[in-house]
Amino acid sequence: MAIVETITVGEDEAGMRLDRWFKAHYPGLAFGALQKLARTGQVRIDGKRVETSARVMPGQMVRVPPLPTDLKESARPQSDKQPAQEGDAAFLKSRILFEDADVIVLNKPAGLSVQGGSGVTRHVDAMLESLIDSKGQVPRLVHRLDKDTAGCLVIAKRRSIAAALAATFRSRSARKIYWALVAGVPHPRQGKISTWLAKDEENDGEKMRVARHGEQGAAHALTHYSVVDQAAQSLSWLSLKPTTGRTHQLRAHTAHIGHPIVGDPKYFDKKDWELPGGMQNKLHLLARRIVVPHPGGRGIIDVTAPLPPHMKQSWNLLGFDTSAYDPEIEEAIED
């Protein structure tokens, strides 16, 4: 005999949409059938009628009516969306630098957007849907990287972990090191770049500019830099340590001091400058290393990403030796 079930929402299900909660617990229940059950008041939360878009919270009681055994998800050709999802999961897993029960750190390739936007059809945020777990939890982005920046991208496996990591990034407890190849050699060889940055909208998207203190929409940005190696006076390898996390901060800051990043289509402003032979005209910027307290209180997560292919090619051409340099992240000055 069919019976009514009452299920308590778990801690890790906080904030889930009711339809996703049902998909996790009853994967054979079609969405249309769930909508009908909710519309007729057969599905309730804490005794109250709800819509399928409602968010559930830990401790709430979900009323689940008797479910017909012949209710199945609507038929979908095997060649439709599922193969793409499977491909996304395999791709993301191939890019994992670190993973435990709470956190993933991906080695994001250059050219892959982190989030969607105008004309963007493939991006990390959508691909994370392919890693949904048995409880309906979809991994979540914690911070961002520009589309053409490669390297360490932190992902939280659950909402509670995402909230903890977001707080860590806001408090600047996370330490980040980027590597870049820039035109010329900065003087002094070590220093900091402190400016106010404001956003301008252009035909090809947003661009940051150095603004005046107090200007509307301007935010303070601070970057520490160090010259690691150089090729005569024409090119140099920089280690960059951003204290703040503004849009395009490193790209705008290096251009501001007269040493834009090689391959940057927005900020490289050197006239009559020629790309050395054998180098690819791609952004030479890598999120090399990230160090962050574990959100579960289990020590420190410390992850390093390898050079992407186009940067490795340039490093080899210039004779830069990555094995001879291991950045000390603790040296970043806090202001």
Protein backbone atom coordinates (compact mmCIF):
# COMPACT_ATOMS: atom_id res chain seq x y z
CA MET A 1 0.00 0.00 0.00
CA ALA A 2 1.36 3.41 -1.00
CA ILE A 3 2.07 5.73 1.92
CA VAL A 4 2.89 9.38 2.46
CA GLU A 5 6.54 10.02 3.38
CA THR A 6 7.89 12.89 5.45
CA ILE A 7 11.58 13.59 4.92
CA THR A 8 13.77 16.00 6.88
CA VAL A 9 15.97 18.32 4.82
CA GLY A 10 19.67 17.73 5.55
CA GLU A 11 22.35 20.27 6.44
CA ASP A 12 24.06 19.93 3.05
CA GLU A 13 20.78 20.59 1.25
CA ALA A 14 20.45 24.17 2.49
CA GLY A 15 19.17 26.49 -0.20
CA MET A 16 18.39 23.79 -2.78
CA ARG A 17 15.42 24.34 -5.04
CA LEU A 18 12.60 21.94 -4.27
CA ASP A 19 12.65 20.51 -7.81
CA ARG A 20 16.38 19.75 -7.51
CA TRP A 21 15.81 18.23 -4.08
CA PHE A 22 13.22 15.88 -5.59
CA LYS A 23 15.54 15.04 -8.49
CA ALA A 24 18.20 14.00 -5.98
CA HIS A 25 15.83 11.87 -3.87
CA TYR A 26 13.48 10.61 -6.60
CA PRO A 27 15.38 10.67 -9.91
CA GLY A 28 12.58 8.74 -11.68
CA LEU A 29 9.97 11.45 -11.02
CA ALA A 30 9.35 13.58 -14.09
CA PHE A 31 9.44 17.35 -13.61
CA GLY A 32 5.93 17.80 -15.02
CA ALA A 33 4.58 15.25 -12.57
CA LEU A 34 6.26 17.04 -9.67
CA GLN A 35 4.74 20.35 -10.76
CA LYS A 36 1.27 18.78 -10.76
CA LEU A 37 1.80 17.32 -7.29
CA ALA A 38 2.90 20.70 -5.95
CA ARG A 39 0.10 22.57 -7.72
CA THR A 40 -2.52 20.28 -6.18
CA GLY A 41 -1.03 20.64 -2.70
CA GLN A 42 0.20 17.06 -2.41
CA VAL A 43 3.80 18.21 -1.94
CA ARG A 44 4.26 20.47 1.08
CA ILE A 45 7.03 21.92 3.24
CA ASP A 46 6.28 22.09 6.97
CA GLY A 47 2.62 21.57 6.11
CA LYS A 48 2.41 24.52 3.71
CA ARG A 49 1.75 24.46 -0.03
CA VAL A 50 4.79 25.44 -2.09
CA GLU A 51 5.95 25.88 -5.65
CA THR A 52 8.71 23.76 -7.16
CA SER A 53 11.01 26.80 -7.22
CA ALA A 54 10.89 27.13 -3.42
CA ARG A 55 14.17 26.77 -1.52
CA VAL A 56 14.50 24.18 1.23
CA MET A 57 16.34 24.69 4.51
CA PRO A 58 17.87 22.21 6.98
CA GLY A 59 15.34 20.76 9.41
CA GLN A 60 12.30 21.44 7.24
CA MET A 61 9.87 18.58 6.68
CA VAL A 62 8.99 17.73 3.08
CA ARG A 63 5.71 15.89 2.51
CA VAL A 64 6.09 13.35 -0.29
CA PRO A 65 2.81 11.83 -1.51
CA PRO A 66 2.52 8.26 -2.84
CA LEU A 67 4.37 8.22 -6.15
CA PRO A 68 3.18 6.01 -9.04
CA THR A 69 5.83 3.51 -10.04
CA ASP A 70 5.34 4.23 -13.73
CA LEU A 71 6.39 7.88 -13.48
CA LYS A 72 9.66 8.28 -15.33
CA GLU A 73 11.73 11.19 -16.57
CA SER A 74 10.62 12.32 -20.00
CA ALA A 75 12.34 10.33 -22.73
CA ARG A 76 15.47 11.93 -24.17
CA PRO A 77 17.60 10.63 -27.02
CA GLN A 78 20.92 9.28 -25.83
CA SER A 79 22.67 11.57 -28.29
CA ASP A 80 21.04 14.74 -26.89
CA LYS A 81 22.32 16.41 -23.71
CA GLN A 82 23.68 13.44 -21.76
CA PRO A 83 26.78 12.78 -23.92
CA ALA A 84 27.83 16.44 -23.59
CA GLN A 85 27.44 16.24 -19.81
CA GLU A 86 29.51 13.09 -19.69
CA GLY A 87 32.17 14.78 -21.80
CA ASP A 88 32.19 17.78 -19.48
CA ALA A 89 32.67 15.59 -16.41
CA ALA A 90 35.60 13.73 -17.98
CA PHE A 91 37.18 17.01 -19.09
CA LEU A 92 36.86 18.63 -15.66
CA LYS A 93 38.24 15.53 -13.93
CA SER A 94 41.24 15.58 -16.26
CA ARG A 95 41.99 19.14 -15.08
CA ILE A 96 41.90 18.48 -11.33
CA LEU A 97 45.02 19.56 -9.42
CA PHE A 98 43.57 18.90 -5.96
CA GLU A 99 40.42 17.24 -4.64
CA ASP A 100 39.03 16.11 -1.33
CA ALA A 101 35.53 15.72 0.13
CA ASP A 102 34.93 19.49 0.15
CA VAL A 103 37.09 21.26 -2.44
CA ILE A 104 38.32 20.93 -6.00
CA VAL A 105 41.10 23.02 -7.51
CA LEU A 106 41.02 22.96 -11.31
CA ASN A 107 43.78 23.80 -13.75
CA LYS A 108 41.64 26.05 -15.96
CA PRO A 109 42.97 26.20 -19.52
CA ALA A 110 43.46 29.53 -21.27
CA GLY A 111 40.55 30.34 -23.54
CA LEU A 112 37.82 28.72 -21.42
CA SER A 113 35.37 31.15 -19.79
CA VAL A 114 34.54 30.70 -16.12
CA GLN A 115 30.98 31.98 -16.50
CA GLY A 116 28.53 32.62 -19.31
CA GLY A 117 28.05 35.87 -21.14
CA SER A 118 27.28 37.31 -24.52
CA GLY A 119 28.26 34.75 -27.16
CA VAL A 120 29.65 32.30 -24.57
CA THR A 121 28.21 28.80 -25.00
CA ARG A 122 30.76 26.73 -23.05
CA HIS A 123 32.01 27.73 -19.63
CA VAL A 124 33.10 26.17 -16.34
CA ASP A 125 29.99 27.20 -14.40
CA ALA A 126 27.70 25.24 -16.75
CA MET A 127 30.10 22.31 -16.97
CA LEU A 128 29.99 21.89 -13.19
CA GLU A 129 26.42 20.61 -13.58
CA SER A 130 27.99 17.39 -14.85
CA LEU A 131 29.53 16.81 -11.40
CA ILE A 132 26.24 16.85 -9.48
CA ASP A 133 26.39 14.39 -6.58
CA SER A 134 23.85 11.88 -5.28
CA LYS A 135 22.26 14.53 -3.05
CA GLY A 136 21.74 16.99 -5.89
CA GLN A 137 24.64 19.22 -4.88
CA VAL A 138 26.32 20.95 -7.81
CA PRO A 139 29.90 22.21 -7.23
CA ARG A 140 30.10 25.99 -7.10
CA LEU A 141 32.58 28.63 -8.21
CA VAL A 142 34.37 30.42 -5.38
CA HIS A 143 36.32 33.03 -7.37
CA ARG A 144 36.93 33.99 -11.00
CA LEU A 145 39.68 34.00 -13.60
CA ASP A 146 39.63 35.87 -16.90
CA LYS A 147 38.82 33.74 -19.93
CA ASP A 148 42.41 33.87 -21.24
CA THR A 149 44.08 33.40 -17.85
CA ALA A 150 45.15 29.83 -17.09
CA GLY A 151 45.71 28.14 -13.75
CA CYS A 152 44.28 27.52 -10.29
CA LEU A 153 40.51 27.84 -9.99
CA VAL A 154 38.91 26.91 -6.66
CA ILE A 155 35.58 25.05 -6.64
CA ALA A 156 33.42 24.19 -3.60
CA LYS A 157 31.54 20.90 -3.62
CA ARG A 158 28.69 22.12 -1.39
CA ARG A 159 26.90 25.35 -0.56
CA SER A 160 28.23 25.50 3.00
CA ILE A 161 31.81 25.07 1.76
CA ALA A 162 31.27 27.73 -0.91
CA ALA A 163 30.08 30.18 1.75
CA ALA A 164 33.12 29.47 3.94
CA LEU A 165 35.57 29.87 1.05
CA ALA A 166 33.85 33.06 -0.14
CA ALA A 167 34.34 34.52 3.33
CA THR A 168 38.01 33.53 3.21
CA PHE A 169 38.50 35.32 -0.11
CA ARG A 170 36.68 38.42 1.14
CA SER A 171 38.88 38.53 4.24
CA ARG A 172 42.00 38.25 2.02
CA SER A 173 43.13 35.16 3.93
CA ALA A 174 43.74 33.40 0.61
CA ARG A 175 47.20 33.93 -0.87
CA LYS A 176 47.62 33.98 -4.65
CA ILE A 177 50.63 34.10 -6.95
CA TYR A 178 50.43 34.75 -10.68
CA TRP A 179 53.16 34.47 -13.27
CA ALA A 180 53.30 36.79 -16.26
CA LEU A 181 55.57 37.58 -19.18
CA VAL A 182 55.70 41.33 -19.73
CA ALA A 183 57.33 43.76 -22.12
CA GLY A 184 60.47 45.37 -20.73
CA VAL A 185 61.90 45.12 -17.21
CA PRO A 186 60.25 47.02 -14.33
CA HIS A 187 62.39 49.24 -12.11
CA PRO A 188 62.66 48.73 -9.25
CA ARG A 189 62.75 44.96 -9.63
CA GLN A 190 60.47 44.59 -6.62
CA GLY A 191 57.65 46.88 -5.68
CA LYS A 192 53.94 47.46 -5.36
CA ILE A 193 51.34 49.01 -7.60
CA SER A 194 48.59 50.85 -5.74
CA THR A 195 45.85 52.58 -7.75
CA TRP A 196 42.13 53.11 -7.99
CA LEU A 197 40.45 51.25 -10.84
CA ALA A 198 37.17 52.05 -12.57
CA LYS A 199 35.29 50.11 -15.22
CA ASP A 200 34.56 51.41 -18.71
CA GLU A 201 32.23 49.70 -21.17
CA GLU A 202 33.68 49.36 -24.67
CA ASN A 203 32.50 47.74 -27.88
CA ASP A 204 34.50 44.59 -27.10
CA GLY A 205 33.45 44.42 -23.46
CA GLU A 206 34.56 45.98 -20.20
CA LYS A 207 37.98 47.50 -19.59
CA MET A 208 39.51 48.87 -16.42
CA ARG A 209 41.26 52.22 -16.22
CA VAL A 210 43.24 53.94 -13.50
CA ALA A 211 40.91 56.42 -11.78
CA ARG A 212 41.11 59.14 -9.18
CA HIS A 213 40.54 58.47 -5.50
CA GLY A 214 36.90 59.21 -4.77
CA GLU A 215 35.75 58.87 -8.36
CA GLN A 216 32.35 57.20 -8.66
CA GLY A 217 32.66 53.48 -9.24
CA ALA A 218 36.40 53.41 -8.51
CA ALA A 219 37.84 50.76 -6.17
CA HIS A 220 41.29 50.48 -4.63
CA ALA A 221 43.59 47.84 -6.10
CA LEU A 222 46.95 46.69 -4.75
CA THR A 223 49.46 44.38 -6.43
CA HIS A 224 52.96 43.35 -5.34
CA TYR A 225 55.39 42.31 -8.06
CA SER A 226 58.87 40.88 -8.37
CA VAL A 227 61.10 40.31 -11.41
CA VAL A 228 62.10 36.65 -11.43
CA ASP A 229 64.16 36.62 -14.64
CA GLN A 230 64.60 38.65 -17.79
CA ALA A 231 65.63 38.39 -21.44
CA ALA A 232 67.96 41.35 -21.91
CA GLN A 233 65.81 44.47 -21.54
CA SER A 234 63.02 43.29 -23.83
CA LEU A 235 61.03 40.81 -21.72
CA SER A 236 60.71 39.80 -18.09
CA TRP A 237 59.08 37.10 -16.03
CA LEU A 238 57.10 38.60 -13.16
CA SER A 239 55.72 37.04 -10.01
CA LEU A 240 52.56 38.96 -9.10
CA LYS A 241 50.80 38.88 -5.74
CA PRO A 242 47.43 40.68 -5.75
CA THR A 243 46.14 41.77 -2.36
CA THR A 244 42.81 42.85 -3.80
CA GLY A 245 40.81 41.04 -6.49
CA ARG A 246 39.55 43.62 -8.98
CA THR A 247 38.48 42.85 -12.54
CA HIS A 248 41.54 42.69 -14.85
CA GLN A 249 43.64 44.01 -11.96
CA LEU A 250 46.98 42.46 -12.93
CA ARG A 251 46.53 43.26 -16.61
CA ALA A 252 45.64 46.90 -15.91
CA HIS A 253 48.37 47.33 -13.28
CA THR A 254 51.23 45.97 -15.38
CA ALA A 255 50.11 48.18 -18.29
CA HIS A 256 49.91 51.16 -15.90
CA ILE A 257 53.61 50.86 -14.99
CA GLY A 258 54.57 50.57 -18.66
CA HIS A 259 55.08 46.79 -18.79
CA PRO A 260 51.93 45.21 -20.24
CA ILE A 261 51.48 41.46 -20.38
CA VAL A 262 52.49 39.81 -23.64
CA GLY A 263 49.50 38.77 -25.74
CA ASP A 264 46.97 40.95 -23.93
CA PRO A 265 44.50 42.26 -26.54
CA LYS A 266 43.00 44.88 -24.21
CA TYR A 267 45.92 46.39 -22.33
CA PHE A 268 49.04 45.84 -24.44
CA ASP A 269 49.72 49.35 -25.76
CA LYS A 270 53.36 49.26 -26.91
CA LYS A 271 53.58 50.79 -30.39
CA ASP A 272 55.83 49.18 -33.00
CA TRP A 273 56.43 46.26 -30.64
CA GLU A 274 56.95 42.92 -32.34
CA LEU A 275 56.22 39.55 -30.81
CA PRO A 276 59.47 37.54 -30.70
CA GLY A 277 59.59 34.70 -33.19
CA GLY A 278 58.37 31.37 -31.87
CA MET A 279 55.94 32.92 -29.36
CA GLN A 280 52.18 32.66 -29.62
CA ASN A 281 50.13 35.84 -29.40
CA LYS A 282 48.13 34.68 -26.39
CA LEU A 283 47.81 36.18 -22.92
CA HIS A 284 50.88 35.15 -20.91
CA LEU A 285 49.24 35.13 -17.47
CA LEU A 286 49.01 32.13 -15.15
CA ALA A 287 47.29 31.74 -11.78
CA ARG A 288 50.35 29.81 -10.63
CA ARG A 289 49.68 29.06 -6.97
CA ILE A 290 46.96 29.41 -4.38
CA VAL A 291 47.21 28.87 -0.63
CA VAL A 292 44.00 28.92 1.39
CA PRO A 293 42.93 27.66 4.83
CA HIS A 294 40.85 24.51 4.43
CA PRO A 295 37.16 25.43 4.94
CA GLY A 296 36.71 22.27 7.00
CA GLY A 297 39.48 23.26 9.40
CA ARG A 298 41.84 20.59 8.07
CA GLY A 299 45.06 22.52 7.62
CA ILE A 300 46.04 24.40 4.46
CA ILE A 301 45.29 23.82 0.79
CA ASP A 302 48.41 24.70 -1.24
CA VAL A 303 48.18 24.06 -4.99
CA THR A 304 50.44 24.93 -7.93
CA ALA A 305 49.48 24.91 -11.61
CA PRO A 306 51.89 24.13 -14.47
CA LEU A 307 52.59 26.55 -17.30
CA PRO A 308 50.00 26.29 -20.08
CA PRO A 309 51.41 25.15 -23.46
CA HIS A 310 51.86 28.62 -24.98
CA MET A 311 53.67 29.94 -21.89
CA LYS A 312 55.82 26.82 -21.62
CA GLN A 313 56.85 27.38 -25.22
CA SER A 314 57.87 30.97 -24.44
CA TRP A 315 59.70 30.01 -21.24
CA ASN A 316 61.69 27.39 -23.17
CA LEU A 317 62.48 29.88 -25.93
CA LEU A 318 63.76 32.45 -23.42
CA GLY A 319 65.65 29.92 -21.31
CA PHE A 320 63.63 30.57 -18.14
CA ASP A 321 63.95 27.72 -15.62
CA THR A 322 60.80 27.15 -13.57
CA SER A 323 62.52 24.55 -11.40
CA ALA A 324 64.90 27.20 -10.12
CA TYR A 325 62.13 29.29 -8.61
CA ASP A 326 59.56 28.40 -5.97
CA PRO A 327 57.69 31.53 -4.89
CA GLU A 328 57.42 32.14 -1.19
CA ILE A 329 53.83 33.20 -0.85
CA GLU A 330 54.26 34.36 2.74
CA GLU A 331 56.46 37.20 1.53
CA ALA A 332 53.50 39.15 0.13
CA ILE A 333 53.17 42.36 2.12
CA GLU A 334 49.72 43.11 3.52
CA ASP A 335 48.51 46.69 3.35
